[in-house]
Amino acid sequence: MLEGERMKTRLILAITHASAPLMVRLARSGLIPLWAVVRHRGRRSGKVYATPIAIRPTADGFVLPLPWGEGTDWCRNLRAAGGGVVVWQGAEYEVTRPEVIDVADALPAFNAVLRPIVRATGIKKFLRVQRAVVAQDAGSLIERSAYERAADHLACAARGVRPSTVCPTRPRSSRPRGRDRAGST
């Protein structure tokens, strides 16, 4: 049985290492609100790493699930350095004060749809980080999930009201979009 666990771990590590570059690009793009990239510096090497992670925003920072526990290199690096950078939804956030918390403390960061999924995954530990600069309006960081937006659209449609398609509280990326990328307007 022990040999079977080792093979399973090796397989997971091989898949993770092979897919990491693609996952980093996808997480950095902001297409999936539950994904982000954490940039951290190696404790011994000093090398800067970019690791794709799952993430949920809070009023003053983020909660990051630790499915493989607090012994993962990226978690240990963030804790040793006292922070790092989170790239989420196309914007960069400097984060500080990393703290390992349990599931009870992390659940409030997840909406009603995601809480049962978090419980079902069996993840017991999470990393809470705070943004280095916290905006006056804490709600400006919290991205509403697709489920919450869909529920709003359904509620508005039932009342015959057209829902707003622009969320003024969503953080804007400093990266140009569309035709502006090529320099033409």
N, C-alpha and C. Protein backbone atom coordinates (compact mmCIF):
# COMPACT_ATOMS: atom_id res chain seq x y z
N MET A 1 0.82 -1.20 0.00
CA MET A 1 0.00 0.00 0.00
C MET A 1 0.87 1.26 0.00
N LEU A 2 1.97 1.22 0.73
CA LEU A 2 2.87 2.36 0.80
C LEU A 2 3.48 2.67 -0.56
N GLU A 3 3.86 1.62 -1.31
CA GLU A 3 4.41 1.81 -2.64
C GLU A 3 3.37 2.43 -3.58
N GLY A 4 2.12 2.03 -3.44
CA GLY A 4 1.04 2.60 -4.25
C GLY A 4 0.87 4.09 -4.00
N GLU A 5 1.00 4.52 -2.76
CA GLU A 5 0.90 5.94 -2.42
C GLU A 5 2.06 6.72 -3.02
N ARG A 6 3.26 6.14 -2.98
CA ARG A 6 4.42 6.81 -3.56
C ARG A 6 4.24 7.00 -5.06
N MET A 7 3.74 5.97 -5.73
CA MET A 7 3.51 6.07 -7.18
C MET A 7 2.46 7.13 -7.49
N LYS A 8 1.42 7.18 -6.68
CA LYS A 8 0.37 8.19 -6.87
C LYS A 8 0.94 9.60 -6.69
N THR A 9 1.76 9.78 -5.67
CA THR A 9 2.37 11.08 -5.42
C THR A 9 3.30 11.47 -6.57
N ARG A 10 4.09 10.53 -7.05
CA ARG A 10 4.98 10.81 -8.18
C ARG A 10 4.20 11.19 -9.43
N LEU A 11 3.10 10.50 -9.67
CA LEU A 11 2.27 10.80 -10.84
C LEU A 11 1.68 12.21 -10.73
N ILE A 12 1.17 12.55 -9.56
CA ILE A 12 0.60 13.89 -9.36
C ILE A 12 1.68 14.95 -9.56
N LEU A 13 2.86 14.73 -9.02
CA LEU A 13 3.96 15.69 -9.20
C LEU A 13 4.36 15.82 -10.66
N ALA A 14 4.43 14.71 -11.39
CA ALA A 14 4.79 14.76 -12.81
C ALA A 14 3.76 15.54 -13.61
N ILE A 15 2.49 15.29 -13.34
CA ILE A 15 1.42 16.01 -14.05
C ILE A 15 1.47 17.50 -13.70
N THR A 16 1.68 17.79 -12.42
CA THR A 16 1.75 19.19 -11.97
C THR A 16 2.89 19.93 -12.65
N HIS A 17 4.07 19.34 -12.68
CA HIS A 17 5.23 19.99 -13.29
C HIS A 17 5.04 20.17 -14.80
N ALA A 18 4.43 19.18 -15.45
CA ALA A 18 4.23 19.26 -16.90
C ALA A 18 3.19 20.31 -17.28
N SER A 19 2.16 20.47 -16.45
CA SER A 19 1.08 21.39 -16.80
C SER A 19 1.25 22.79 -16.20
N ALA A 20 2.24 22.99 -15.34
CA ALA A 20 2.40 24.27 -14.64
C ALA A 20 2.51 25.48 -15.57
N PRO A 21 3.32 25.44 -16.65
CA PRO A 21 3.42 26.64 -17.50
C PRO A 21 2.08 27.05 -18.11
N LEU A 22 1.29 26.09 -18.55
CA LEU A 22 -0.02 26.39 -19.10
C LEU A 22 -0.95 26.93 -18.01
N MET A 23 -0.91 26.33 -16.83
CA MET A 23 -1.77 26.76 -15.73
C MET A 23 -1.41 28.18 -15.28
N VAL A 24 -0.13 28.51 -15.27
CA VAL A 24 0.29 29.86 -14.89
C VAL A 24 -0.30 30.87 -15.87
N ARG A 25 -0.19 30.60 -17.17
CA ARG A 25 -0.76 31.52 -18.17
C ARG A 25 -2.26 31.66 -18.02
N LEU A 26 -2.95 30.55 -17.80
CA LEU A 26 -4.41 30.58 -17.65
C LEU A 26 -4.80 31.32 -16.38
N ALA A 27 -4.12 31.04 -15.27
CA ALA A 27 -4.43 31.71 -14.01
C ALA A 27 -4.15 33.21 -14.09
N ARG A 28 -3.05 33.58 -14.75
CA ARG A 28 -2.68 34.99 -14.88
C ARG A 28 -3.68 35.76 -15.75
N SER A 29 -4.33 35.07 -16.68
CA SER A 29 -5.24 35.73 -17.61
C SER A 29 -6.48 36.31 -16.94
N GLY A 30 -6.88 35.74 -15.81
CA GLY A 30 -8.08 36.23 -15.13
C GLY A 30 -9.36 35.64 -15.67
N LEU A 31 -9.28 34.68 -16.56
CA LEU A 31 -10.48 34.07 -17.14
C LEU A 31 -11.27 33.24 -16.14
N ILE A 32 -10.58 32.66 -15.18
CA ILE A 32 -11.23 31.83 -14.16
C ILE A 32 -11.06 32.53 -12.82
N PRO A 33 -12.15 33.08 -12.25
CA PRO A 33 -12.04 33.87 -11.02
C PRO A 33 -11.49 33.13 -9.81
N LEU A 34 -11.51 31.82 -9.83
CA LEU A 34 -10.99 31.06 -8.69
C LEU A 34 -9.49 30.80 -8.80
N TRP A 35 -8.88 31.23 -9.88
CA TRP A 35 -7.46 30.97 -10.09
C TRP A 35 -6.65 32.25 -10.07
N ALA A 36 -5.45 32.13 -9.56
CA ALA A 36 -4.52 33.25 -9.53
C ALA A 36 -3.10 32.68 -9.61
N VAL A 37 -2.14 33.58 -9.62
CA VAL A 37 -0.74 33.19 -9.59
C VAL A 37 -0.12 33.88 -8.38
N VAL A 38 0.65 33.13 -7.62
CA VAL A 38 1.38 33.73 -6.52
C VAL A 38 2.86 33.73 -6.90
N ARG A 39 3.47 34.92 -6.79
CA ARG A 39 4.91 35.04 -7.04
C ARG A 39 5.61 35.09 -5.68
N HIS A 40 6.61 34.25 -5.55
CA HIS A 40 7.33 34.13 -4.28
C HIS A 40 8.80 33.86 -4.56
N ARG A 41 9.63 34.19 -3.59
CA ARG A 41 11.08 34.00 -3.72
C ARG A 41 11.49 32.77 -2.92
N GLY A 42 12.32 31.93 -3.54
CA GLY A 42 12.80 30.73 -2.88
C GLY A 42 13.56 31.05 -1.60
N ARG A 43 13.35 30.27 -0.58
CA ARG A 43 13.99 30.50 0.72
C ARG A 43 15.51 30.36 0.64
N ARG A 44 15.97 29.38 -0.08
CA ARG A 44 17.42 29.13 -0.17
C ARG A 44 18.02 29.66 -1.47
N SER A 45 17.30 29.49 -2.57
CA SER A 45 17.86 29.85 -3.88
C SER A 45 17.75 31.34 -4.18
N GLY A 46 16.73 31.99 -3.61
CA GLY A 46 16.50 33.39 -3.93
C GLY A 46 15.81 33.59 -5.28
N LYS A 47 15.57 32.50 -5.98
CA LYS A 47 14.92 32.56 -7.29
C LYS A 47 13.44 32.91 -7.14
N VAL A 48 12.91 33.69 -8.10
CA VAL A 48 11.49 34.06 -8.07
C VAL A 48 10.70 33.01 -8.82
N TYR A 49 9.64 32.53 -8.18
CA TYR A 49 8.77 31.51 -8.76
C TYR A 49 7.37 32.07 -8.96
N ALA A 50 6.65 31.52 -9.93
CA ALA A 50 5.24 31.84 -10.16
C ALA A 50 4.47 30.54 -10.11
N THR A 51 3.53 30.44 -9.16
CA THR A 51 2.79 29.21 -8.93
C THR A 51 1.30 29.46 -9.10
N PRO A 52 0.61 28.67 -9.95
CA PRO A 52 -0.84 28.81 -10.07
C PRO A 52 -1.51 28.25 -8.82
N ILE A 53 -2.52 28.97 -8.34
CA ILE A 53 -3.21 28.58 -7.10
C ILE A 53 -4.70 28.85 -7.23
N ALA A 54 -5.47 28.23 -6.35
CA ALA A 54 -6.87 28.60 -6.17
C ALA A 54 -6.89 29.74 -5.16
N ILE A 55 -7.91 30.59 -5.25
CA ILE A 55 -7.91 31.78 -4.40
C ILE A 55 -9.33 32.29 -4.18
N ARG A 56 -9.55 32.94 -3.05
CA ARG A 56 -10.80 33.66 -2.81
C ARG A 56 -10.43 34.98 -2.15
N PRO A 57 -11.02 36.06 -2.64
CA PRO A 57 -10.75 37.37 -2.02
C PRO A 57 -11.48 37.54 -0.70
N THR A 58 -10.91 38.34 0.18
CA THR A 58 -11.56 38.75 1.42
C THR A 58 -11.57 40.27 1.44
N ALA A 59 -12.12 40.85 2.47
CA ALA A 59 -12.19 42.30 2.54
C ALA A 59 -10.80 42.95 2.57
N ASP A 60 -9.82 42.26 3.13
CA ASP A 60 -8.49 42.86 3.25
C ASP A 60 -7.37 42.04 2.63
N GLY A 61 -7.72 41.00 1.88
CA GLY A 61 -6.68 40.18 1.27
C GLY A 61 -7.25 38.99 0.53
N PHE A 62 -6.67 37.81 0.78
CA PHE A 62 -7.07 36.60 0.08
C PHE A 62 -6.96 35.40 1.00
N VAL A 63 -7.73 34.36 0.66
CA VAL A 63 -7.60 33.05 1.30
C VAL A 63 -7.20 32.07 0.21
N LEU A 64 -6.14 31.29 0.46
CA LEU A 64 -5.62 30.34 -0.51
C LEU A 64 -5.69 28.93 0.06
N PRO A 65 -6.43 28.03 -0.57
CA PRO A 65 -6.49 26.65 -0.07
C PRO A 65 -5.12 25.98 -0.15
N LEU A 66 -4.86 25.11 0.81
CA LEU A 66 -3.61 24.34 0.86
C LEU A 66 -3.96 22.85 0.76
N PRO A 67 -4.32 22.38 -0.44
CA PRO A 67 -4.75 20.98 -0.57
C PRO A 67 -3.66 19.98 -0.23
N TRP A 68 -2.39 20.37 -0.36
CA TRP A 68 -1.27 19.48 -0.02
C TRP A 68 -0.63 19.89 1.29
N GLY A 69 -1.31 20.73 2.05
CA GLY A 69 -0.82 21.12 3.37
C GLY A 69 0.11 22.31 3.34
N GLU A 70 0.52 22.72 4.52
CA GLU A 70 1.34 23.92 4.66
C GLU A 70 2.81 23.67 4.36
N GLY A 71 3.17 22.45 4.00
CA GLY A 71 4.55 22.13 3.68
C GLY A 71 4.93 22.36 2.23
N THR A 72 3.99 22.84 1.39
CA THR A 72 4.32 23.10 -0.01
C THR A 72 5.34 24.24 -0.08
N ASP A 73 6.20 24.17 -1.08
CA ASP A 73 7.27 25.17 -1.20
C ASP A 73 6.73 26.58 -1.28
N TRP A 74 5.69 26.80 -2.08
CA TRP A 74 5.20 28.18 -2.24
C TRP A 74 4.67 28.73 -0.92
N CYS A 75 4.00 27.89 -0.14
CA CYS A 75 3.48 28.34 1.16
C CYS A 75 4.64 28.64 2.11
N ARG A 76 5.62 27.75 2.16
CA ARG A 76 6.77 27.96 3.03
C ARG A 76 7.55 29.20 2.61
N ASN A 77 7.67 29.43 1.30
CA ASN A 77 8.39 30.61 0.81
C ASN A 77 7.66 31.90 1.20
N LEU A 78 6.34 31.93 1.02
CA LEU A 78 5.58 33.12 1.40
C LEU A 78 5.71 33.41 2.89
N ARG A 79 5.62 32.37 3.69
CA ARG A 79 5.70 32.54 5.14
C ARG A 79 7.10 33.01 5.55
N ALA A 80 8.13 32.44 4.95
CA ALA A 80 9.50 32.83 5.31
C ALA A 80 9.79 34.28 4.92
N ALA A 81 9.27 34.70 3.76
CA ALA A 81 9.51 36.06 3.28
C ALA A 81 8.55 37.08 3.88
N GLY A 82 7.50 36.61 4.51
CA GLY A 82 6.51 37.53 5.07
C GLY A 82 5.55 38.07 4.02
N GLY A 83 5.53 37.46 2.83
CA GLY A 83 4.60 37.89 1.79
C GLY A 83 5.12 37.62 0.40
N GLY A 84 4.46 38.22 -0.58
CA GLY A 84 4.80 38.04 -1.98
C GLY A 84 3.86 38.86 -2.83
N VAL A 85 3.57 38.39 -4.04
CA VAL A 85 2.67 39.09 -4.95
C VAL A 85 1.63 38.09 -5.46
N VAL A 86 0.37 38.51 -5.45
CA VAL A 86 -0.72 37.72 -6.02
C VAL A 86 -1.17 38.42 -7.29
N VAL A 87 -1.23 37.67 -8.39
CA VAL A 87 -1.76 38.19 -9.65
C VAL A 87 -3.14 37.55 -9.81
N TRP A 88 -4.19 38.37 -9.69
CA TRP A 88 -5.57 37.87 -9.70
C TRP A 88 -6.42 38.80 -10.56
N GLN A 89 -7.18 38.21 -11.47
CA GLN A 89 -8.07 38.97 -12.34
C GLN A 89 -7.31 40.03 -13.12
N GLY A 90 -6.08 39.74 -13.52
CA GLY A 90 -5.29 40.64 -14.33
C GLY A 90 -4.62 41.77 -13.58
N ALA A 91 -4.75 41.81 -12.26
CA ALA A 91 -4.13 42.87 -11.45
C ALA A 91 -3.17 42.24 -10.45
N GLU A 92 -2.13 42.99 -10.07
CA GLU A 92 -1.15 42.52 -9.11
C GLU A 92 -1.41 43.14 -7.74
N TYR A 93 -1.31 42.29 -6.70
CA TYR A 93 -1.52 42.74 -5.33
C TYR A 93 -0.34 42.27 -4.49
N GLU A 94 0.33 43.21 -3.85
CA GLU A 94 1.38 42.82 -2.91
C GLU A 94 0.67 42.33 -1.65
N VAL A 95 1.09 41.16 -1.15
CA VAL A 95 0.45 40.59 0.03
C VAL A 95 1.48 40.40 1.13
N THR A 96 1.01 40.50 2.38
CA THR A 96 1.87 40.38 3.55
C THR A 96 1.16 39.53 4.59
N ARG A 97 1.85 39.29 5.70
CA ARG A 97 1.31 38.61 6.88
C ARG A 97 0.64 37.28 6.56
N PRO A 98 1.35 36.37 5.88
CA PRO A 98 0.76 35.06 5.61
C PRO A 98 0.55 34.28 6.91
N GLU A 99 -0.63 33.68 7.02
CA GLU A 99 -1.00 32.97 8.24
C GLU A 99 -1.79 31.72 7.87
N VAL A 100 -1.38 30.57 8.39
CA VAL A 100 -2.11 29.33 8.15
C VAL A 100 -3.34 29.31 9.06
N ILE A 101 -4.50 29.05 8.46
CA ILE A 101 -5.75 29.01 9.21
C ILE A 101 -6.47 27.69 8.90
N ASP A 102 -7.46 27.35 9.73
CA ASP A 102 -8.21 26.13 9.48
C ASP A 102 -9.45 26.43 8.65
N VAL A 103 -10.16 25.37 8.29
CA VAL A 103 -11.30 25.49 7.39
C VAL A 103 -12.40 26.39 7.97
N ALA A 104 -12.61 26.34 9.29
CA ALA A 104 -13.66 27.16 9.90
C ALA A 104 -13.39 28.66 9.70
N ASP A 105 -12.12 29.05 9.79
CA ASP A 105 -11.77 30.46 9.59
C ASP A 105 -11.79 30.85 8.11
N ALA A 106 -11.59 29.88 7.22
CA ALA A 106 -11.52 30.16 5.78
C ALA A 106 -12.90 30.19 5.11
N LEU A 107 -13.86 29.42 5.62
CA LEU A 107 -15.15 29.29 4.94
C LEU A 107 -15.88 30.61 4.67
N PRO A 108 -15.81 31.62 5.55
CA PRO A 108 -16.50 32.88 5.24
C PRO A 108 -16.03 33.54 3.94
N ALA A 109 -14.85 33.22 3.46
CA ALA A 109 -14.35 33.80 2.20
C ALA A 109 -15.04 33.18 0.99
N PHE A 110 -15.68 32.04 1.17
CA PHE A 110 -16.33 31.34 0.08
C PHE A 110 -17.83 31.60 0.12
N ASN A 111 -18.44 31.73 -1.07
CA ASN A 111 -19.87 31.99 -1.11
C ASN A 111 -20.65 30.71 -0.83
N ALA A 112 -21.97 30.82 -0.76
CA ALA A 112 -22.83 29.70 -0.40
C ALA A 112 -22.71 28.53 -1.38
N VAL A 113 -22.42 28.80 -2.63
CA VAL A 113 -22.28 27.74 -3.63
C VAL A 113 -20.96 26.99 -3.42
N LEU A 114 -19.91 27.70 -3.08
CA LEU A 114 -18.59 27.08 -2.96
C LEU A 114 -18.33 26.41 -1.61
N ARG A 115 -19.02 26.83 -0.55
CA ARG A 115 -18.76 26.26 0.78
C ARG A 115 -18.91 24.74 0.83
N PRO A 116 -20.00 24.16 0.28
CA PRO A 116 -20.10 22.69 0.32
C PRO A 116 -19.00 22.01 -0.49
N ILE A 117 -18.55 22.66 -1.56
CA ILE A 117 -17.47 22.09 -2.36
C ILE A 117 -16.18 22.09 -1.56
N VAL A 118 -15.92 23.18 -0.84
CA VAL A 118 -14.71 23.26 0.00
C VAL A 118 -14.75 22.16 1.05
N ARG A 119 -15.91 21.99 1.69
CA ARG A 119 -16.02 20.93 2.70
C ARG A 119 -15.81 19.56 2.08
N ALA A 120 -16.36 19.33 0.88
CA ALA A 120 -16.26 18.02 0.23
C ALA A 120 -14.83 17.69 -0.19
N THR A 121 -14.03 18.70 -0.48
CA THR A 121 -12.64 18.43 -0.90
C THR A 121 -11.80 17.90 0.24
N GLY A 122 -12.21 18.19 1.47
CA GLY A 122 -11.45 17.72 2.62
C GLY A 122 -10.23 18.56 2.94
N ILE A 123 -10.10 19.71 2.31
CA ILE A 123 -8.95 20.59 2.59
C ILE A 123 -9.11 21.13 4.01
N LYS A 124 -8.09 20.95 4.81
CA LYS A 124 -8.15 21.33 6.22
C LYS A 124 -7.42 22.63 6.53
N LYS A 125 -6.44 22.99 5.70
CA LYS A 125 -5.62 24.18 5.97
C LYS A 125 -5.69 25.15 4.80
N PHE A 126 -5.61 26.43 5.13
CA PHE A 126 -5.66 27.52 4.16
C PHE A 126 -4.62 28.55 4.57
N LEU A 127 -4.20 29.35 3.61
CA LEU A 127 -3.27 30.43 3.90
C LEU A 127 -4.01 31.74 3.72
N ARG A 128 -4.04 32.55 4.76
CA ARG A 128 -4.66 33.87 4.67
C ARG A 128 -3.54 34.90 4.53
N VAL A 129 -3.67 35.77 3.53
CA VAL A 129 -2.71 36.86 3.34
C VAL A 129 -3.47 38.17 3.29
N GLN A 130 -2.81 39.23 3.66
CA GLN A 130 -3.43 40.55 3.61
C GLN A 130 -2.77 41.38 2.52
N ARG A 131 -3.58 42.20 1.87
CA ARG A 131 -3.01 43.11 0.89
C ARG A 131 -2.18 44.15 1.62
N ALA A 132 -1.05 44.51 1.03
CA ALA A 132 -0.16 45.49 1.66
C ALA A 132 -0.85 46.85 1.76
N VAL A 133 -1.62 47.20 0.75
CA VAL A 133 -2.38 48.45 0.75
C VAL A 133 -3.84 48.07 0.63
N VAL A 134 -4.60 48.34 1.67
CA VAL A 134 -6.01 47.99 1.67
C VAL A 134 -6.81 49.22 1.26
N ALA A 135 -7.63 49.06 0.24
CA ALA A 135 -8.43 50.17 -0.27
C ALA A 135 -9.44 50.61 0.78
N GLN A 136 -9.87 51.86 0.68
CA GLN A 136 -10.90 52.38 1.58
C GLN A 136 -12.17 51.54 1.46
N ASP A 137 -12.53 51.21 0.24
CA ASP A 137 -13.73 50.42 -0.01
C ASP A 137 -13.34 48.96 -0.13
N ALA A 138 -13.50 48.20 0.94
CA ALA A 138 -13.10 46.79 0.92
C ALA A 138 -13.84 46.01 -0.15
N GLY A 139 -15.03 46.42 -0.48
CA GLY A 139 -15.81 45.71 -1.50
C GLY A 139 -15.24 45.87 -2.89
N SER A 140 -14.31 46.79 -3.10
CA SER A 140 -13.77 47.00 -4.44
C SER A 140 -12.95 45.81 -4.92
N LEU A 141 -12.47 44.98 -4.02
CA LEU A 141 -11.64 43.85 -4.41
C LEU A 141 -12.46 42.59 -4.65
N ILE A 142 -13.58 42.46 -3.97
CA ILE A 142 -14.30 41.20 -3.99
C ILE A 142 -15.06 41.05 -5.29
N GLU A 143 -14.66 40.07 -6.09
CA GLU A 143 -15.30 39.78 -7.37
C GLU A 143 -16.48 38.86 -7.11
N ARG A 144 -17.60 39.24 -7.59
CA ARG A 144 -18.77 38.39 -7.45
C ARG A 144 -18.62 37.19 -8.37
N SER A 145 -18.99 36.04 -7.87
CA SER A 145 -18.83 34.82 -8.65
C SER A 145 -19.84 34.78 -9.79
N ALA A 146 -19.58 33.92 -10.75
CA ALA A 146 -20.49 33.74 -11.88
C ALA A 146 -21.86 33.29 -11.39
N TYR A 147 -21.88 32.48 -10.34
CA TYR A 147 -23.16 32.02 -9.80
C TYR A 147 -23.96 33.18 -9.22
N GLU A 148 -23.28 34.08 -8.50
CA GLU A 148 -23.97 35.23 -7.92
C GLU A 148 -24.48 36.16 -9.01
N ARG A 149 -23.68 36.38 -10.06
CA ARG A 149 -24.13 37.23 -11.16
C ARG A 149 -25.31 36.60 -11.88
N ALA A 150 -25.26 35.28 -12.09
CA ALA A 150 -26.36 34.59 -12.76
C ALA A 150 -27.64 34.69 -11.94
N ALA A 151 -27.51 34.56 -10.62
CA ALA A 151 -28.69 34.68 -9.75
C ALA A 151 -29.28 36.08 -9.85
N ASP A 152 -28.43 37.11 -9.89
CA ASP A 152 -28.91 38.49 -10.04
C ASP A 152 -29.63 38.67 -11.37
N HIS A 153 -29.07 38.11 -12.45
CA HIS A 153 -29.67 38.22 -13.77
C HIS A 153 -31.04 37.56 -13.79
N LEU A 154 -31.15 36.38 -13.17
CA LEU A 154 -32.43 35.69 -13.13
C LEU A 154 -33.46 36.49 -12.33
N ALA A 155 -33.03 37.04 -11.20
CA ALA A 155 -33.94 37.82 -10.36
C ALA A 155 -34.42 39.06 -11.10
N CYS A 156 -33.51 39.73 -11.81
CA CYS A 156 -33.89 40.93 -12.57
C CYS A 156 -34.82 40.55 -13.73
N ALA A 157 -34.52 39.47 -14.40
CA ALA A 157 -35.36 39.04 -15.52
C ALA A 157 -36.76 38.70 -15.04
N ALA A 158 -36.87 38.10 -13.88
CA ALA A 158 -38.19 37.76 -13.33
C ALA A 158 -39.00 39.02 -13.04
N ARG A 159 -38.32 40.10 -12.69
CA ARG A 159 -39.02 41.36 -12.42
C ARG A 159 -39.17 42.21 -13.68
N GLY A 160 -38.58 41.75 -14.78
CA GLY A 160 -38.68 42.51 -16.03
C GLY A 160 -37.68 43.66 -16.10
N VAL A 161 -36.64 43.62 -15.28
CA VAL A 161 -35.63 44.68 -15.24
C VAL A 161 -34.36 44.15 -15.89
N ARG A 162 -33.71 44.99 -16.71
CA ARG A 162 -32.46 44.58 -17.34
C ARG A 162 -31.32 44.78 -16.35
N PRO A 163 -30.60 43.71 -16.00
CA PRO A 163 -29.50 43.87 -15.03
C PRO A 163 -28.32 44.61 -15.63
N SER A 164 -27.57 45.27 -14.77
CA SER A 164 -26.36 45.97 -15.19
C SER A 164 -25.30 44.95 -15.59
N THR A 165 -24.59 45.22 -16.66
CA THR A 165 -23.55 44.30 -17.10
C THR A 165 -22.16 44.77 -16.69
N VAL A 166 -22.07 45.95 -16.08
CA VAL A 166 -20.77 46.48 -15.67
C VAL A 166 -20.75 46.57 -14.15
N CYS A 167 -19.73 45.99 -13.56
CA CYS A 167 -19.55 46.06 -12.11
C CYS A 167 -18.53 47.15 -11.82
N PRO A 168 -18.95 48.30 -11.28
CA PRO A 168 -18.01 49.39 -11.06
C PRO A 168 -16.98 49.08 -9.97
N THR A 169 -17.17 48.06 -9.17
CA THR A 169 -16.24 47.77 -8.09
C THR A 169 -15.17 46.76 -8.48
N ARG A 170 -15.19 46.25 -9.71
CA ARG A 170 -14.19 45.27 -10.14
C ARG A 170 -12.86 45.98 -10.37
N PRO A 171 -11.77 45.43 -9.83
CA PRO A 171 -10.48 46.08 -10.04
C PRO A 171 -10.10 46.06 -11.51
N ARG A 172 -9.56 47.15 -11.96
CA ARG A 172 -9.16 47.26 -13.36
C ARG A 172 -7.70 46.89 -13.51
N SER A 173 -7.40 46.22 -14.56
CA SER A 173 -6.03 45.83 -14.84
C SER A 173 -5.29 47.01 -15.42
N SER A 174 -4.00 47.07 -15.14
CA SER A 174 -3.19 48.12 -15.75
C SER A 174 -2.77 47.72 -17.16
N ARG A 175 -3.06 46.46 -17.51
CA ARG A 175 -2.70 45.95 -18.82
C ARG A 175 -3.75 46.36 -19.85
N PRO A 176 -3.34 46.93 -20.99
CA PRO A 176 -4.31 47.32 -22.00
C PRO A 176 -5.03 46.12 -22.59
N ARG A 177 -6.25 46.32 -22.97
CA ARG A 177 -7.07 45.25 -23.54
C ARG A 177 -7.37 45.53 -25.01
N GLY A 178 -7.74 44.50 -25.72
CA GLY A 178 -8.22 44.65 -27.10
C GLY A 178 -7.19 45.24 -28.03
N ARG A 179 -7.65 46.15 -28.90
CA ARG A 179 -6.77 46.74 -29.90
C ARG A 179 -5.69 47.61 -29.30
N ASP A 180 -5.89 48.10 -28.06
CA ASP A 180 -4.88 48.94 -27.42
C ASP A 180 -3.57 48.19 -27.20
N ARG A 181 -3.62 46.87 -27.13
CA ARG A 181 -2.39 46.09 -26.91
C ARG A 181 -1.39 46.32 -28.01
N ALA A 182 -1.88 46.40 -29.25
CA ALA A 182 -0.99 46.56 -30.40
C ALA A 182 -0.56 47.99 -30.60
N GLY A 183 -1.10 48.88 -29.78
CA GLY A 183 -0.71 50.28 -29.90
C GLY A 183 -1.64 51.10 -30.79
N SER A 184 -2.57 50.44 -31.46
CA SER A 184 -3.52 51.18 -32.30
C SER A 184 -4.81 51.40 -31.54
N THR A 185 -5.52 52.44 -31.87
CA THR A 185 -6.77 52.73 -31.20
C THR A 185 -7.93 52.69 -32.14
